Amino acid sequence: MVHPTALRICILAALATLGTAAQAADTANWTSWTSDTANTVSGTLTVGTTSVGVTYSGAQYSFAQLNNTGTNYWVPSTPYLSSTVTNAPGTSDIVGLNAAGTSVITFSQPVLNPVIALVSWNGANVTFGGGSDKQSYDIQYLSFGCGYWGCGSFGSPTSTSFTGVGELHGVIELLGTYKTISFTDTTSENWHGLTVASLGLPSAVPEPDSLALAGAGLALMAALLRRRRT
């Protein structure tokens, strides 16, 4: 007879493998910003073979560096690297903001666990959601450090808000599935910048190796169940 505890362990292991296969990702697919009009900047990010349109809009808009032109403010790369995101933005593309107000980032289709890289958010006072935005936010603070304009950190971090202490350079992750992200900053300054990436798509298919592991776990479960019945 198979002990019930052993059976539960097998079931949980197989489910954990499937969950990890569906969600695991550590390469950020950073947006390539390609055009801007008035207070709107547009671009694309690519997840596997899927191209996702990205649009920034808001009165906070100051300027944009498009198509890998201009100064690369994403160096040094250290503030943008973590165990979750292993690659800093690879081009000089950036959206610059300088006024207090609300910004909206929209994807052409839902994305999983989007990340936002920040440059020089000195004194920022940022809250996600609010107003007509009923999305539930869950911010994870992945990394920060000394960047192009100096050193800083996240102050008063919560699941929906943070402040910028010093010259904040870093990355946040929004856990969950998002088609639209909105945030309000009550601080105006010379400028601070951002870009956005996705860690995957909600419908992502597990890697073949992960599927094989999960299949082996499920096969073991079936064998244990047959033995238990016998």
C-alpha atoms as a PDB file:
ATOM      1  CA  MET A   1       0.000   0.000   0.000  1.00  0.00           C
ATOM      2  CA  VAL A   2       1.207   3.512  -0.866  1.00  0.00           C
ATOM      3  CA  HIS A   3       1.304   5.855   2.080  1.00  0.00           C
ATOM      4  CA  PRO A   4      -1.139   8.802   1.607  1.00  0.00           C
ATOM      5  CA  THR A   5       1.600  11.304   2.444  1.00  0.00           C
ATOM      6  CA  ALA A   6       3.830   9.995  -0.340  1.00  0.00           C
ATOM      7  CA  LEU A   7       0.946  10.257  -2.777  1.00  0.00           C
ATOM      8  CA  ARG A   8       0.244  13.859  -1.799  1.00  0.00           C
ATOM      9  CA  ILE A   9       3.920  14.739  -2.258  1.00  0.00           C
ATOM     10  CA  CYS A  10       3.888  13.316  -5.786  1.00  0.00           C
ATOM     11  CA  ILE A  11       0.743  15.250  -6.677  1.00  0.00           C
ATOM     12  CA  LEU A  12       2.117  18.521  -5.319  1.00  0.00           C
ATOM     13  CA  ALA A  13       5.445  18.015  -7.112  1.00  0.00           C
ATOM     14  CA  ALA A  14       3.731  17.481 -10.456  1.00  0.00           C
ATOM     15  CA  LEU A  15       1.494  20.522  -9.999  1.00  0.00           C
ATOM     16  CA  ALA A  16       4.468  22.648  -8.979  1.00  0.00           C
ATOM     17  CA  THR A  17       6.321  21.587 -12.106  1.00  0.00           C
ATOM     18  CA  LEU A  18       3.384  22.585 -14.284  1.00  0.00           C
ATOM     19  CA  GLY A  19       3.028  25.921 -12.500  1.00  0.00           C
ATOM     20  CA  THR A  20       6.706  26.692 -12.878  1.00  0.00           C
ATOM     21  CA  ALA A  21       6.603  25.744 -16.557  1.00  0.00           C
ATOM     22  CA  ALA A  22       3.722  28.118 -17.198  1.00  0.00           C
ATOM     23  CA  GLN A  23       5.222  31.072 -15.361  1.00  0.00           C
ATOM     24  CA  ALA A  24       9.016  30.763 -15.406  1.00  0.00           C
ATOM     25  CA  ALA A  25      10.762  33.556 -17.286  1.00  0.00           C
ATOM     26  CA  ASP A  26      13.869  35.575 -16.616  1.00  0.00           C
ATOM     27  CA  THR A  27      14.485  37.399 -19.904  1.00  0.00           C
ATOM     28  CA  ALA A  28      12.743  40.763 -20.091  1.00  0.00           C
ATOM     29  CA  ASN A  29      11.352  41.604 -23.525  1.00  0.00           C
ATOM     30  CA  TRP A  30      12.031  45.345 -23.488  1.00  0.00           C
ATOM     31  CA  THR A  31       9.963  47.692 -25.639  1.00  0.00           C
ATOM     32  CA  SER A  32      11.395  49.146 -28.815  1.00  0.00           C
ATOM     33  CA  TRP A  33       9.917  52.670 -28.902  1.00  0.00           C
ATOM     34  CA  THR A  34       9.430  53.755 -32.503  1.00  0.00           C
ATOM     35  CA  SER A  35       7.170  56.843 -32.728  1.00  0.00           C
ATOM     36  CA  ASP A  36       5.768  59.721 -30.689  1.00  0.00           C
ATOM     37  CA  THR A  37       2.981  62.230 -31.253  1.00  0.00           C
ATOM     38  CA  ALA A  38       2.014  64.923 -28.741  1.00  0.00           C
ATOM     39  CA  ASN A  39       1.772  63.113 -25.385  1.00  0.00           C
ATOM     40  CA  THR A  40       1.782  59.586 -26.836  1.00  0.00           C
ATOM     41  CA  VAL A  41       4.710  57.235 -27.497  1.00  0.00           C
ATOM     42  CA  SER A  42       4.283  53.929 -29.338  1.00  0.00           C
ATOM     43  CA  GLY A  43       6.432  50.853 -29.744  1.00  0.00           C
ATOM     44  CA  THR A  44       6.484  47.070 -29.685  1.00  0.00           C
ATOM     45  CA  LEU A  45       7.881  44.282 -27.568  1.00  0.00           C
ATOM     46  CA  THR A  46       8.349  40.719 -28.748  1.00  0.00           C
ATOM     47  CA  VAL A  47       7.628  37.627 -26.679  1.00  0.00           C
ATOM     48  CA  GLY A  48       8.782  34.550 -28.565  1.00  0.00           C
ATOM     49  CA  THR A  49       7.145  34.975 -31.969  1.00  0.00           C
ATOM     50  CA  THR A  50       4.409  37.305 -30.704  1.00  0.00           C
ATOM     51  CA  SER A  51       4.670  41.052 -31.290  1.00  0.00           C
ATOM     52  CA  VAL A  52       2.822  43.158 -28.707  1.00  0.00           C
ATOM     53  CA  GLY A  53       2.050  46.825 -29.294  1.00  0.00           C
ATOM     54  CA  VAL A  54       2.852  49.197 -26.410  1.00  0.00           C
ATOM     55  CA  THR A  55       1.584  52.757 -25.984  1.00  0.00           C
ATOM     56  CA  TYR A  56       2.498  55.339 -23.357  1.00  0.00           C
ATOM     57  CA  SER A  57       0.215  58.353 -22.931  1.00  0.00           C
ATOM     58  CA  GLY A  58      -0.004  61.095 -20.339  1.00  0.00           C
ATOM     59  CA  ALA A  59       0.487  64.759 -19.544  1.00  0.00           C
ATOM     60  CA  GLN A  60       3.693  63.813 -17.725  1.00  0.00           C
ATOM     61  CA  TYR A  61       5.352  63.227 -21.110  1.00  0.00           C
ATOM     62  CA  SER A  62       8.467  65.308 -21.830  1.00  0.00           C
ATOM     63  CA  PHE A  63      10.421  63.568 -24.612  1.00  0.00           C
ATOM     64  CA  ALA A  64      11.241  60.185 -26.117  1.00  0.00           C
ATOM     65  CA  GLN A  65      14.361  58.589 -27.523  1.00  0.00           C
ATOM     66  CA  LEU A  66      13.275  56.322 -30.369  1.00  0.00           C
ATOM     67  CA  ASN A  67      14.851  53.617 -32.531  1.00  0.00           C
ATOM     68  CA  ASN A  68      18.015  53.295 -30.416  1.00  0.00           C
ATOM     69  CA  THR A  69      19.137  56.895 -30.888  1.00  0.00           C
ATOM     70  CA  GLY A  70      20.454  59.359 -28.312  1.00  0.00           C
ATOM     71  CA  THR A  71      22.212  58.863 -24.980  1.00  0.00           C
ATOM     72  CA  ASN A  72      22.001  55.440 -23.369  1.00  0.00           C
ATOM     73  CA  TYR A  73      20.774  56.224 -19.854  1.00  0.00           C
ATOM     74  CA  TRP A  74      20.499  52.485 -19.052  1.00  0.00           C
ATOM     75  CA  VAL A  75      24.208  52.240 -18.234  1.00  0.00           C
ATOM     76  CA  PRO A  76      25.593  51.039 -15.965  1.00  0.00           C
ATOM     77  CA  SER A  77      23.298  48.003 -16.106  1.00  0.00           C
ATOM     78  CA  THR A  78      23.649  46.997 -12.442  1.00  0.00           C
ATOM     79  CA  PRO A  79      20.429  48.662 -11.117  1.00  0.00           C
ATOM     80  CA  TYR A  80      18.349  46.750 -13.669  1.00  0.00           C
ATOM     81  CA  LEU A  81      19.571  43.212 -12.988  1.00  0.00           C
ATOM     82  CA  SER A  82      18.098  40.714 -10.534  1.00  0.00           C
ATOM     83  CA  SER A  83      17.274  37.045 -10.135  1.00  0.00           C
ATOM     84  CA  THR A  84      14.016  37.776 -11.976  1.00  0.00           C
ATOM     85  CA  VAL A  85      15.327  40.050 -14.755  1.00  0.00           C
ATOM     86  CA  THR A  86      18.713  39.044 -16.137  1.00  0.00           C
ATOM     87  CA  ASN A  87      19.018  41.641 -18.906  1.00  0.00           C
ATOM     88  CA  ALA A  88      18.976  45.426 -18.697  1.00  0.00           C
ATOM     89  CA  PRO A  89      17.332  47.455 -21.496  1.00  0.00           C
ATOM     90  CA  GLY A  90      19.533  46.839 -24.505  1.00  0.00           C
ATOM     91  CA  THR A  91      19.025  50.101 -26.409  1.00  0.00           C
ATOM     92  CA  SER A  92      18.872  53.812 -25.624  1.00  0.00           C
ATOM     93  CA  ASP A  93      15.067  53.878 -26.112  1.00  0.00           C
ATOM     94  CA  ILE A  94      13.365  55.705 -23.243  1.00  0.00           C
ATOM     95  CA  VAL A  95      10.254  57.724 -22.401  1.00  0.00           C
ATOM     96  CA  GLY A  96      11.020  60.884 -20.429  1.00  0.00           C
ATOM     97  CA  LEU A  97       8.559  62.483 -17.978  1.00  0.00           C
ATOM     98  CA  ASN A  98       8.805  65.796 -16.165  1.00  0.00           C
ATOM     99  CA  ALA A  99       5.375  66.876 -14.857  1.00  0.00           C
ATOM    100  CA  ALA A 100       3.083  65.740 -12.092  1.00  0.00           C
ATOM    101  CA  GLY A 101       0.082  63.822 -13.395  1.00  0.00           C
ATOM    102  CA  THR A 102      -1.196  60.442 -14.518  1.00  0.00           C
ATOM    103  CA  SER A 103       0.425  58.148 -17.056  1.00  0.00           C
ATOM    104  CA  VAL A 104      -1.130  55.160 -18.830  1.00  0.00           C
ATOM    105  CA  ILE A 105       0.711  52.260 -20.458  1.00  0.00           C
ATOM    106  CA  THR A 106      -1.441  50.122 -22.757  1.00  0.00           C
ATOM    107  CA  PHE A 107      -0.621  46.775 -24.369  1.00  0.00           C
ATOM    108  CA  SER A 108      -2.328  45.483 -27.502  1.00  0.00           C
ATOM    109  CA  GLN A 109      -2.960  42.216 -25.673  1.00  0.00           C
ATOM    110  CA  PRO A 110      -2.631  41.110 -22.047  1.00  0.00           C
ATOM    111  CA  VAL A 111       0.920  40.467 -20.833  1.00  0.00           C
ATOM    112  CA  LEU A 112       2.167  38.524 -17.838  1.00  0.00           C
ATOM    113  CA  ASN A 113       4.167  40.135 -15.027  1.00  0.00           C
ATOM    114  CA  PRO A 114       5.214  43.350 -16.812  1.00  0.00           C
ATOM    115  CA  VAL A 115       8.308  45.127 -15.517  1.00  0.00           C
ATOM    116  CA  ILE A 116       9.151  48.827 -15.566  1.00  0.00           C
ATOM    117  CA  ALA A 117      12.724  50.133 -15.564  1.00  0.00           C
ATOM    118  CA  LEU A 118      13.267  53.566 -14.019  1.00  0.00           C
ATOM    119  CA  VAL A 119      15.940  56.225 -14.529  1.00  0.00           C
ATOM    120  CA  SER A 120      16.507  59.097 -12.073  1.00  0.00           C
ATOM    121  CA  TRP A 121      13.158  59.103 -10.223  1.00  0.00           C
ATOM    122  CA  ASN A 122      14.460  61.623  -7.734  1.00  0.00           C
ATOM    123  CA  GLY A 123      11.728  62.641  -5.250  1.00  0.00           C
ATOM    124  CA  ALA A 124       9.008  60.785  -7.147  1.00  0.00           C
ATOM    125  CA  ASN A 125       5.777  60.063  -5.266  1.00  0.00           C
ATOM    126  CA  VAL A 126       4.065  57.347  -7.293  1.00  0.00           C
ATOM    127  CA  THR A 127       0.761  55.511  -6.808  1.00  0.00           C
ATOM    128  CA  PHE A 128      -0.560  52.854  -9.199  1.00  0.00           C
ATOM    129  CA  GLY A 129      -4.247  52.618 -10.034  1.00  0.00           C
ATOM    130  CA  GLY A 130      -6.889  54.979  -8.707  1.00  0.00           C
ATOM    131  CA  GLY A 131      -9.688  56.820 -10.445  1.00  0.00           C
ATOM    132  CA  SER A 132     -11.353  54.737 -13.128  1.00  0.00           C
ATOM    133  CA  ASP A 133      -8.539  52.147 -13.044  1.00  0.00           C
ATOM    134  CA  LYS A 134      -9.937  49.138 -11.170  1.00  0.00           C
ATOM    135  CA  GLN A 135      -6.932  46.898 -11.859  1.00  0.00           C
ATOM    136  CA  SER A 136      -5.485  45.256  -8.760  1.00  0.00           C
ATOM    137  CA  TYR A 137      -1.746  46.003  -8.464  1.00  0.00           C
ATOM    138  CA  ASP A 138       0.933  43.975  -6.718  1.00  0.00           C
ATOM    139  CA  ILE A 139       4.333  45.661  -7.014  1.00  0.00           C
ATOM    140  CA  GLN A 140       7.503  43.655  -6.449  1.00  0.00           C
ATOM    141  CA  TYR A 141      10.732  45.647  -6.036  1.00  0.00           C
ATOM    142  CA  LEU A 142      13.340  43.726  -7.994  1.00  0.00           C
ATOM    143  CA  SER A 143      16.445  45.906  -7.990  1.00  0.00           C
ATOM    144  CA  PHE A 144      17.910  49.384  -7.513  1.00  0.00           C
ATOM    145  CA  GLY A 145      21.335  50.951  -7.286  1.00  0.00           C
ATOM    146  CA  CYS A 146      23.726  53.477  -8.774  1.00  0.00           C
ATOM    147  CA  GLY A 147      22.841  54.387 -12.352  1.00  0.00           C
ATOM    148  CA  TYR A 148      23.592  57.043 -14.944  1.00  0.00           C
ATOM    149  CA  TRP A 149      22.661  59.977 -12.699  1.00  0.00           C
ATOM    150  CA  GLY A 150      23.848  58.654  -9.346  1.00  0.00           C
ATOM    151  CA  CYS A 151      22.480  56.503  -6.533  1.00  0.00           C
ATOM    152  CA  GLY A 152      19.082  56.094  -4.929  1.00  0.00           C
ATOM    153  CA  SER A 153      16.513  53.641  -3.643  1.00  0.00           C
ATOM    154  CA  PHE A 154      12.801  52.943  -3.223  1.00  0.00           C
ATOM    155  CA  GLY A 155      11.257  54.727  -0.257  1.00  0.00           C
ATOM    156  CA  SER A 156       8.062  53.733   1.587  1.00  0.00           C
ATOM    157  CA  PRO A 157       7.410  50.770  -0.753  1.00  0.00           C
ATOM    158  CA  THR A 158       3.934  49.205  -0.699  1.00  0.00           C
ATOM    159  CA  SER A 159       2.076  46.906  -3.098  1.00  0.00           C
ATOM    160  CA  THR A 160       0.693  49.955  -4.942  1.00  0.00           C
ATOM    161  CA  SER A 161       3.065  52.896  -4.290  1.00  0.00           C
ATOM    162  CA  PHE A 162       6.606  54.080  -3.688  1.00  0.00           C
ATOM    163  CA  THR A 163       8.710  57.220  -3.406  1.00  0.00           C
ATOM    164  CA  GLY A 164      12.093  57.938  -4.928  1.00  0.00           C
ATOM    165  CA  VAL A 165      14.947  58.465  -2.479  1.00  0.00           C
ATOM    166  CA  GLY A 166      17.956  60.099  -4.106  1.00  0.00           C
ATOM    167  CA  GLU A 167      18.542  59.345  -7.781  1.00  0.00           C
ATOM    168  CA  LEU A 168      16.401  56.218  -7.962  1.00  0.00           C
ATOM    169  CA  HIS A 169      17.402  53.807 -10.724  1.00  0.00           C
ATOM    170  CA  GLY A 170      15.765  50.386 -10.600  1.00  0.00           C
ATOM    171  CA  VAL A 171      13.137  47.911 -11.731  1.00  0.00           C
ATOM    172  CA  ILE A 172       9.684  47.010 -10.445  1.00  0.00           C
ATOM    173  CA  GLU A 173       7.547  44.031 -11.437  1.00  0.00           C
ATOM    174  CA  LEU A 174       3.741  44.039 -11.469  1.00  0.00           C
ATOM    175  CA  LEU A 175       2.610  40.527 -10.614  1.00  0.00           C
ATOM    176  CA  GLY A 176      -0.358  39.316 -12.627  1.00  0.00           C
ATOM    177  CA  THR A 177      -1.846  39.846 -16.064  1.00  0.00           C
ATOM    178  CA  TYR A 178      -2.214  43.408 -17.365  1.00  0.00           C
ATOM    179  CA  LYS A 179      -3.518  45.061 -20.514  1.00  0.00           C
ATOM    180  CA  THR A 180      -3.375  48.564 -19.037  1.00  0.00           C
ATOM    181  CA  ILE A 181      -1.179  50.083 -16.324  1.00  0.00           C
ATOM    182  CA  SER A 182      -1.817  53.508 -14.836  1.00  0.00           C
ATOM    183  CA  PHE A 183       0.112  55.457 -12.228  1.00  0.00           C
ATOM    184  CA  THR A 184       0.099  58.974 -10.824  1.00  0.00           C
ATOM    185  CA  ASP A 185       3.191  60.920  -9.771  1.00  0.00           C
ATOM    186  CA  THR A 186       2.606  64.055  -7.707  1.00  0.00           C
ATOM    187  CA  THR A 187       6.183  65.353  -8.174  1.00  0.00           C
ATOM    188  CA  SER A 188       7.491  67.488 -11.036  1.00  0.00           C
ATOM    189  CA  GLU A 189      11.214  67.681 -11.819  1.00  0.00           C
ATOM    190  CA  ASN A 190      13.616  68.276 -14.707  1.00  0.00           C
ATOM    191  CA  TRP A 191      12.934  64.757 -16.063  1.00  0.00           C
ATOM    192  CA  HIS A 192      12.955  61.078 -15.204  1.00  0.00           C
ATOM    193  CA  GLY A 193      12.572  58.160 -17.569  1.00  0.00           C
ATOM    194  CA  LEU A 194      11.127  54.706 -18.010  1.00  0.00           C
ATOM    195  CA  THR A 195      10.745  51.795 -20.320  1.00  0.00           C
ATOM    196  CA  VAL A 196       8.621  48.686 -19.997  1.00  0.00           C
ATOM    197  CA  ALA A 197       8.953  44.973 -20.714  1.00  0.00           C
ATOM    198  CA  SER A 198       7.019  41.752 -20.358  1.00  0.00           C
ATOM    199  CA  LEU A 199       8.187  38.493 -18.804  1.00  0.00           C
ATOM    200  CA  GLY A 200       5.719  36.480 -20.869  1.00  0.00           C
ATOM    201  CA  LEU A 201       2.172  36.047 -22.108  1.00  0.00           C
ATOM    202  CA  PRO A 202      -0.680  34.489 -20.105  1.00  0.00           C
ATOM    203  CA  SER A 203      -1.188  31.817 -22.761  1.00  0.00           C
ATOM    204  CA  ALA A 204       2.484  30.825 -22.888  1.00  0.00           C
ATOM    205  CA  VAL A 205       3.013  27.108 -23.566  1.00  0.00           C
ATOM    206  CA  PRO A 206       5.390  25.317 -21.142  1.00  0.00           C
ATOM    207  CA  GLU A 207       8.862  24.401 -22.395  1.00  0.00           C
ATOM    208  CA  PRO A 208       9.149  20.794 -23.730  1.00  0.00           C
ATOM    209  CA  ASP A 209      11.545  19.767 -20.924  1.00  0.00           C
ATOM    210  CA  SER A 210       9.155  21.109 -18.298  1.00  0.00           C
ATOM    211  CA  LEU A 211       6.263  19.289 -19.922  1.00  0.00           C
ATOM    212  CA  ALA A 212       8.285  16.090 -19.896  1.00  0.00           C
ATOM    213  CA  LEU A 213       9.033  16.471 -16.186  1.00  0.00           C
ATOM    214  CA  ALA A 214       5.402  17.187 -15.426  1.00  0.00           C
ATOM    215  CA  GLY A 215       4.336  14.212 -17.528  1.00  0.00           C
ATOM    216  CA  ALA A 216       6.719  11.928 -15.666  1.00  0.00           C
ATOM    217  CA  GLY A 217       5.299  13.168 -12.376  1.00  0.00           C
ATOM    218  CA  LEU A 218       1.737  12.530 -13.511  1.00  0.00           C
ATOM    219  CA  ALA A 219       2.684   9.059 -14.787  1.00  0.00           C
ATOM    220  CA  LEU A 220       4.163   8.275 -11.384  1.00  0.00           C
ATOM    221  CA  MET A 221       0.962   9.452  -9.737  1.00  0.00           C
ATOM    222  CA  ALA A 222      -1.080   7.138 -11.969  1.00  0.00           C
ATOM    223  CA  ALA A 223       1.180   4.189 -11.165  1.00  0.00           C
ATOM    224  CA  LEU A 224       0.901   4.846  -7.426  1.00  0.00           C
ATOM    225  CA  LEU A 225      -2.867   5.081  -7.665  1.00  0.00           C
ATOM    226  CA  ARG A 226      -3.054   1.730  -9.530  1.00  0.00           C
ATOM    227  CA  ARG A 227      -0.793   0.125  -6.931  1.00  0.00           C
ATOM    228  CA  ARG A 228      -2.883   1.536  -4.120  1.00  0.00           C
ATOM    229  CA  ARG A 229      -6.061   0.085  -5.607  1.00  0.00           C
ATOM    230  CA  THR A 230      -4.353  -3.327  -5.981  1.00  0.00           C
END
